[in-house]
Amino acid sequence: MRTHTLAHVAALIGALLVPAIAQAQGILLLAHGGREDWNREVLELASKVDEERPVEVAFGMANKRAIQDAVNRLAEREVTGIVAIPLFVSSHSSVIRATEYLLGKRDDPPPQMEAFARMSARRAEADGGTDPDFDWTTPIETFLPVELTGALDSHATVAEILIARALEVSETPADEVVVLVAHGPSSEEDNDLWLQHMSVLVERMRDFASFSRIDHLTVRDDAPADVQAKATQELRSVVERGAQEGKSVLIVPLLLSYGGIEKGIRERMEGLDYRMASQGLLPDDRLATWVLAQAGAR
């Protein structure tokens, strides 16, 4: 455990003695990270949450340095504990499992931990932040208790936002097929869990609008080439089926924010007739409400 300073100890004791301070549990918002505009949307979300609860963002794919720095910043803000909230589409991925390990919520690192560590180290070196003594593969150090919530998964808020995105490009719902498209993981086991959550989202979306049909699938960009090819064919078949039925097809990507994956989805559907939602889940104030609800549920 990290040796804590007298200031940290004093803050913790004070928080235990004063009820108003004792409620100051901080939020560690975990996000994949991407281009500047992608990150900005996450930071804007965090600023809304910060109006209610102390929050710090850690960008990266199980990036220990980013997580450790964010935890340290929360400690400096004299919080009494931390709730880590993955702002990820799904809880089922190697990134989440590696993050669980870094936060001390999993005894053993997943097989991909070394790869994530190398990736994070290369990124740090590219940014000029080299530290030869830093171990990227061990859990973070903190004197604060840390809890970890699930990701977005099949939460009702996600369904509300997705149906709003569909309606923004809809003309006549009864004559339209909505196709919910997610990036998806590499492993078959994780992919099955993604699809289960998406199935729940579809059922919830049906409560908001009467589309002819709502389909769902993953494109699995990081999987082997044959798996990607199969996913591409499935996507094209679903879109073609809608056209053959005389329906308009609306593509609604289940992405936190547009930043490149949506372009790959378009490339897979080259030559087909469809309309795509203009944005991902962000920006949307409902996600700030979701973050606070996740934190409040602990």
Protein backbone atom coordinates (compact mmCIF):
# COMPACT_ATOMS: atom_id res chain seq x y z
CA MET A 1 0.00 0.00 0.00
CA ARG A 2 1.18 3.55 -0.67
CA THR A 3 2.55 5.32 2.38
CA HIS A 4 0.10 8.09 3.17
CA THR A 5 1.02 11.56 4.31
CA LEU A 6 -0.12 13.27 7.49
CA ALA A 7 -2.41 15.42 5.35
CA HIS A 8 -4.07 12.32 3.95
CA VAL A 9 -4.50 10.82 7.41
CA ALA A 10 -5.91 14.07 8.77
CA ALA A 11 -8.35 14.30 5.90
CA LEU A 12 -9.53 10.76 6.46
CA ILE A 13 -9.97 11.24 10.22
CA GLY A 14 -11.78 14.51 9.64
CA ALA A 15 -14.08 12.88 7.15
CA LEU A 16 -14.98 10.18 9.66
CA LEU A 17 -15.79 12.75 12.31
CA VAL A 18 -17.80 15.18 10.18
CA PRO A 19 -20.88 13.67 8.45
CA ALA A 20 -20.95 16.25 5.66
CA ILE A 21 -17.38 15.41 4.72
CA ALA A 22 -17.94 11.69 5.20
CA GLN A 23 -20.32 11.75 2.26
CA ALA A 24 -17.58 13.03 -0.05
CA GLN A 25 -16.97 9.76 -1.84
CA GLY A 26 -15.04 10.40 -5.02
CA ILE A 27 -15.73 9.01 -8.48
CA LEU A 28 -13.04 7.51 -10.68
CA LEU A 29 -14.42 7.69 -14.20
CA LEU A 30 -12.71 5.13 -16.43
CA ALA A 31 -12.84 5.77 -20.19
CA HIS A 32 -11.15 4.26 -23.22
CA GLY A 33 -9.72 7.52 -24.52
CA GLY A 34 -9.31 8.62 -28.10
CA ARG A 35 -8.95 11.72 -30.21
CA GLU A 36 -9.05 15.14 -28.60
CA ASP A 37 -12.72 15.70 -29.47
CA TRP A 38 -13.62 12.23 -28.14
CA ASN A 39 -11.85 12.91 -24.85
CA ARG A 40 -13.39 16.35 -24.60
CA GLU A 41 -16.90 14.86 -24.54
CA VAL A 42 -15.92 12.61 -21.64
CA LEU A 43 -14.34 15.53 -19.78
CA GLU A 44 -17.48 17.61 -20.30
CA LEU A 45 -19.53 14.76 -18.85
CA ALA A 46 -17.14 14.58 -15.90
CA SER A 47 -17.49 18.32 -15.29
CA LYS A 48 -21.27 17.93 -14.96
CA VAL A 49 -20.83 15.08 -12.49
CA ASP A 50 -18.22 17.09 -10.59
CA GLU A 51 -20.89 19.64 -9.72
CA GLU A 52 -22.37 16.96 -7.44
CA ARG A 53 -19.47 14.67 -6.52
CA PRO A 54 -15.67 14.88 -6.82
CA VAL A 55 -14.68 13.10 -10.03
CA GLU A 56 -11.43 12.43 -11.86
CA VAL A 57 -11.03 10.75 -15.25
CA ALA A 58 -8.55 8.01 -16.17
CA PHE A 59 -8.21 7.52 -19.93
CA GLY A 60 -6.74 4.37 -21.40
CA MET A 61 -7.05 0.62 -21.77
CA ALA A 62 -6.19 -0.59 -18.26
CA ASN A 63 -3.53 2.11 -18.05
CA LYS A 64 -2.11 1.86 -14.54
CA ARG A 65 -0.40 5.26 -14.59
CA ALA A 66 -3.60 7.04 -15.66
CA ILE A 67 -5.61 5.20 -12.99
CA GLN A 68 -3.01 5.80 -10.28
CA ASP A 69 -2.75 9.51 -11.10
CA ALA A 70 -6.54 9.92 -11.05
CA VAL A 71 -6.77 8.10 -7.70
CA ASN A 72 -4.03 10.34 -6.31
CA ARG A 73 -5.91 13.43 -7.47
CA LEU A 74 -9.03 12.21 -5.70
CA ALA A 75 -7.01 11.64 -2.51
CA GLU A 76 -5.76 15.21 -2.73
CA ARG A 77 -9.38 16.32 -2.87
CA GLU A 78 -9.84 14.67 0.54
CA VAL A 79 -12.44 12.09 -0.48
CA THR A 80 -13.16 9.27 1.98
CA GLY A 81 -13.46 6.52 -0.61
CA ILE A 82 -13.62 5.93 -4.35
CA VAL A 83 -16.23 4.45 -6.65
CA ALA A 84 -14.68 3.44 -9.97
CA ILE A 85 -17.19 3.59 -12.82
CA PRO A 86 -16.30 2.20 -16.27
CA LEU A 87 -17.71 4.49 -18.94
CA PHE A 88 -17.58 1.55 -21.32
CA VAL A 89 -20.31 -0.05 -23.41
CA SER A 90 -19.80 -3.45 -21.77
CA SER A 91 -18.41 -4.94 -18.59
CA HIS A 92 -17.29 -8.01 -20.53
CA SER A 93 -13.85 -7.45 -22.01
CA SER A 94 -10.19 -8.03 -21.26
CA VAL A 95 -9.82 -4.29 -20.62
CA ILE A 96 -12.35 -4.42 -17.79
CA ARG A 97 -10.80 -7.57 -16.32
CA ALA A 98 -7.35 -5.95 -16.38
CA THR A 99 -8.81 -2.85 -14.73
CA GLU A 100 -10.38 -5.02 -12.03
CA TYR A 101 -6.94 -6.43 -11.31
CA LEU A 102 -5.31 -2.99 -11.18
CA LEU A 103 -7.95 -1.84 -8.71
CA GLY A 104 -7.43 -4.87 -6.48
CA LYS A 105 -10.76 -6.46 -7.37
CA ARG A 106 -9.26 -9.54 -9.01
CA ASP A 107 -6.54 -11.73 -7.52
CA ASP A 108 -4.82 -12.69 -10.75
CA PRO A 109 -4.12 -10.58 -13.84
CA PRO A 110 -5.81 -11.62 -17.08
CA PRO A 111 -3.59 -12.99 -19.87
CA GLN A 112 -3.79 -9.64 -21.70
CA MET A 113 -2.34 -7.64 -18.78
CA GLU A 114 1.20 -7.69 -20.19
CA ALA A 115 -0.04 -6.43 -23.57
CA PHE A 116 -1.96 -3.58 -21.94
CA ALA A 117 1.10 -2.72 -19.86
CA ARG A 118 3.33 -2.53 -22.94
CA MET A 119 0.75 -0.40 -24.74
CA SER A 120 0.50 2.00 -21.80
CA ALA A 121 4.29 2.21 -21.44
CA ARG A 122 4.72 3.00 -25.14
CA ARG A 123 2.09 5.70 -24.89
CA ALA A 124 3.82 7.22 -21.86
CA GLU A 125 7.15 7.18 -23.65
CA ALA A 126 5.62 8.86 -26.71
CA ASP A 127 4.24 11.55 -24.42
CA GLY A 128 7.66 12.07 -22.83
CA GLY A 129 6.74 10.56 -19.47
CA THR A 130 9.26 7.76 -19.03
CA ASP A 131 9.79 6.14 -15.61
CA PRO A 132 12.02 3.04 -15.71
CA ASP A 133 11.08 2.04 -12.16
CA PHE A 134 7.33 2.10 -12.71
CA ASP A 135 5.71 -1.36 -12.79
CA TRP A 136 2.75 -1.27 -15.15
CA THR A 137 1.56 -4.78 -14.28
CA THR A 138 0.84 -4.55 -10.53
CA PRO A 139 -2.23 -3.14 -8.75
CA ILE A 140 -2.35 0.55 -7.89
CA GLU A 141 -1.47 1.79 -4.41
CA THR A 142 -3.89 3.80 -2.29
CA PHE A 143 -5.02 4.06 1.32
CA LEU A 144 -8.60 4.77 0.20
CA PRO A 145 -11.23 2.03 -0.11
CA VAL A 146 -12.12 1.46 -3.78
CA GLU A 147 -15.36 0.01 -5.14
CA LEU A 148 -16.03 -0.87 -8.77
CA THR A 149 -19.38 -0.75 -10.58
CA GLY A 150 -20.50 -2.30 -13.83
CA ALA A 151 -20.28 -0.57 -17.20
CA LEU A 152 -23.25 0.69 -19.26
CA ASP A 153 -24.31 -2.84 -20.28
CA SER A 154 -28.13 -3.01 -20.61
CA HIS A 155 -29.03 -0.03 -18.42
CA ALA A 156 -32.37 1.61 -19.20
CA THR A 157 -30.65 4.98 -19.71
CA VAL A 158 -28.69 3.51 -22.62
CA ALA A 159 -31.92 2.29 -24.25
CA GLU A 160 -33.45 5.76 -23.88
CA ILE A 161 -30.50 7.42 -25.57
CA LEU A 162 -30.36 4.83 -28.37
CA ILE A 163 -34.02 5.23 -29.21
CA ALA A 164 -33.54 9.00 -29.23
CA ARG A 165 -30.70 8.58 -31.75
CA ALA A 166 -32.92 6.38 -33.91
CA LEU A 167 -35.81 8.83 -33.81
CA GLU A 168 -33.52 11.68 -34.87
CA VAL A 169 -33.10 10.01 -38.28
CA SER A 170 -36.52 8.36 -38.40
CA GLU A 171 -39.35 9.37 -40.69
CA THR A 172 -42.00 6.66 -40.33
CA PRO A 173 -41.10 4.17 -37.56
CA ALA A 174 -43.61 1.55 -38.66
CA ASP A 175 -41.84 1.35 -42.03
CA GLU A 176 -38.30 1.25 -40.62
CA VAL A 177 -35.92 -1.38 -39.34
CA VAL A 178 -33.44 -0.29 -36.68
CA VAL A 179 -30.10 -2.09 -36.54
CA LEU A 180 -28.18 -1.68 -33.29
CA VAL A 181 -24.47 -2.17 -34.05
CA ALA A 182 -21.71 -2.50 -31.43
CA HIS A 183 -17.95 -2.94 -31.78
CA GLY A 184 -17.90 -6.17 -29.81
CA PRO A 185 -15.02 -8.15 -28.25
CA SER A 186 -12.71 -10.77 -29.69
CA SER A 187 -13.69 -13.80 -27.61
CA GLU A 188 -16.84 -15.79 -28.31
CA GLU A 189 -17.72 -15.95 -24.62
CA ASP A 190 -17.55 -12.18 -24.19
CA ASN A 191 -19.40 -11.64 -27.45
CA ASP A 192 -22.28 -13.80 -26.25
CA LEU A 193 -22.53 -11.63 -23.13
CA TRP A 194 -22.46 -8.44 -25.20
CA LEU A 195 -25.30 -9.78 -27.34
CA GLN A 196 -27.30 -10.72 -24.25
CA HIS A 197 -27.08 -7.15 -22.96
CA MET A 198 -27.94 -5.79 -26.40
CA SER A 199 -30.99 -8.03 -26.49
CA VAL A 200 -32.20 -6.44 -23.26
CA LEU A 201 -31.55 -2.97 -24.70
CA VAL A 202 -33.62 -3.89 -27.78
CA GLU A 203 -36.55 -4.97 -25.61
CA ARG A 204 -36.37 -1.70 -23.71
CA MET A 205 -36.12 0.31 -26.92
CA ARG A 206 -39.34 -1.28 -28.17
CA ASP A 207 -41.17 0.37 -25.26
CA PHE A 208 -40.35 3.82 -26.64
CA ALA A 209 -41.25 3.56 -30.34
CA SER A 210 -43.05 1.18 -32.70
CA PHE A 211 -40.42 0.40 -35.31
CA SER A 212 -41.08 -2.48 -37.67
CA ARG A 213 -38.18 -4.36 -36.14
CA ILE A 214 -35.02 -3.76 -34.09
CA ASP A 215 -32.06 -6.04 -34.82
CA HIS A 216 -28.72 -6.12 -33.01
CA LEU A 217 -25.22 -7.41 -33.73
CA THR A 218 -21.50 -6.80 -33.17
CA VAL A 219 -18.87 -6.19 -35.86
CA ARG A 220 -15.87 -7.46 -33.82
CA ASP A 221 -13.12 -5.38 -35.42
CA ASP A 222 -10.42 -6.85 -33.15
CA ALA A 223 -11.27 -10.51 -33.80
CA PRO A 224 -9.50 -12.76 -36.35
CA ALA A 225 -10.12 -11.99 -40.02
CA ASP A 226 -12.58 -14.85 -40.55
CA VAL A 227 -14.66 -13.70 -37.57
CA GLN A 228 -14.66 -10.14 -38.89
CA ALA A 229 -15.72 -11.34 -42.34
CA LYS A 230 -18.60 -13.31 -40.85
CA ALA A 231 -19.72 -10.29 -38.85
CA THR A 232 -19.57 -8.11 -41.98
CA GLN A 233 -21.72 -10.55 -43.90
CA GLU A 234 -24.23 -10.67 -41.07
CA LEU A 235 -24.48 -6.89 -41.01
CA ARG A 236 -24.93 -6.65 -44.76
CA SER A 237 -27.52 -9.43 -44.72
CA VAL A 238 -29.58 -7.66 -42.05
CA VAL A 239 -29.52 -4.39 -44.01
CA GLU A 240 -30.35 -6.15 -47.29
CA ARG A 241 -33.21 -8.02 -45.64
CA GLY A 242 -34.76 -4.75 -44.51
CA ALA A 243 -34.53 -3.34 -48.03
CA GLN A 244 -36.08 -6.50 -49.49
CA GLU A 245 -39.00 -6.06 -47.10
CA GLY A 246 -39.53 -2.55 -48.45
CA LYS A 247 -38.36 -0.97 -45.20
CA SER A 248 -35.94 1.85 -44.57
CA VAL A 249 -32.94 0.78 -42.51
CA LEU A 250 -31.64 2.92 -39.64
CA ILE A 251 -28.18 2.11 -38.28
CA VAL A 252 -27.69 3.06 -34.63
CA PRO A 253 -24.12 2.39 -33.44
CA LEU A 254 -23.83 1.42 -29.80
CA LEU A 255 -20.72 3.52 -29.27
CA LEU A 256 -19.87 5.93 -26.51
CA SER A 257 -18.77 8.51 -29.05
CA TYR A 258 -17.93 8.62 -32.73
CA GLY A 259 -14.21 8.52 -33.34
CA GLY A 260 -13.47 6.02 -36.08
CA ILE A 261 -15.41 2.81 -35.48
CA GLU A 262 -18.49 4.25 -37.14
CA LYS A 263 -16.42 4.77 -40.31
CA GLY A 264 -15.60 1.07 -40.33
CA ILE A 265 -19.29 0.28 -40.04
CA ARG A 266 -19.99 2.45 -43.07
CA GLU A 267 -17.24 0.74 -45.04
CA ARG A 268 -18.78 -2.65 -44.31
CA MET A 269 -22.08 -1.45 -45.77
CA GLU A 270 -20.71 0.11 -48.95
CA GLY A 271 -23.32 0.10 -51.70
CA LEU A 272 -26.28 -0.49 -49.35
CA ASP A 273 -29.12 1.91 -48.65
CA TYR A 274 -29.48 3.05 -45.02
CA ARG A 275 -29.45 6.07 -42.70
CA MET A 276 -27.12 6.25 -39.70
CA ALA A 277 -27.60 8.08 -36.41
CA SER A 278 -25.57 11.27 -36.28
CA GLN A 279 -23.81 10.57 -32.97
CA GLY A 280 -23.08 7.97 -30.31
CA LEU A 281 -24.25 7.99 -26.70
CA LEU A 282 -22.30 11.18 -25.99
CA PRO A 283 -22.98 13.99 -25.55
CA ASP A 284 -26.08 13.42 -23.43
CA ASP A 285 -26.84 14.75 -19.95
CA ARG A 286 -28.56 11.47 -19.08
CA LEU A 287 -25.16 9.85 -18.84
CA ALA A 288 -24.19 12.24 -16.05
CA THR A 289 -27.31 11.11 -14.22
CA TRP A 290 -26.29 7.49 -14.85
CA VAL A 291 -22.81 8.07 -13.39
CA LEU A 292 -24.25 9.64 -10.25
CA ALA A 293 -26.78 6.80 -9.93
CA GLN A 294 -24.01 4.22 -10.25
CA ALA A 295 -22.03 5.97 -7.54
CA GLY A 296 -25.06 6.38 -5.29
CA ALA A 297 -25.96 2.72 -5.52
CA ARG A 298 -22.78 1.67 -3.72
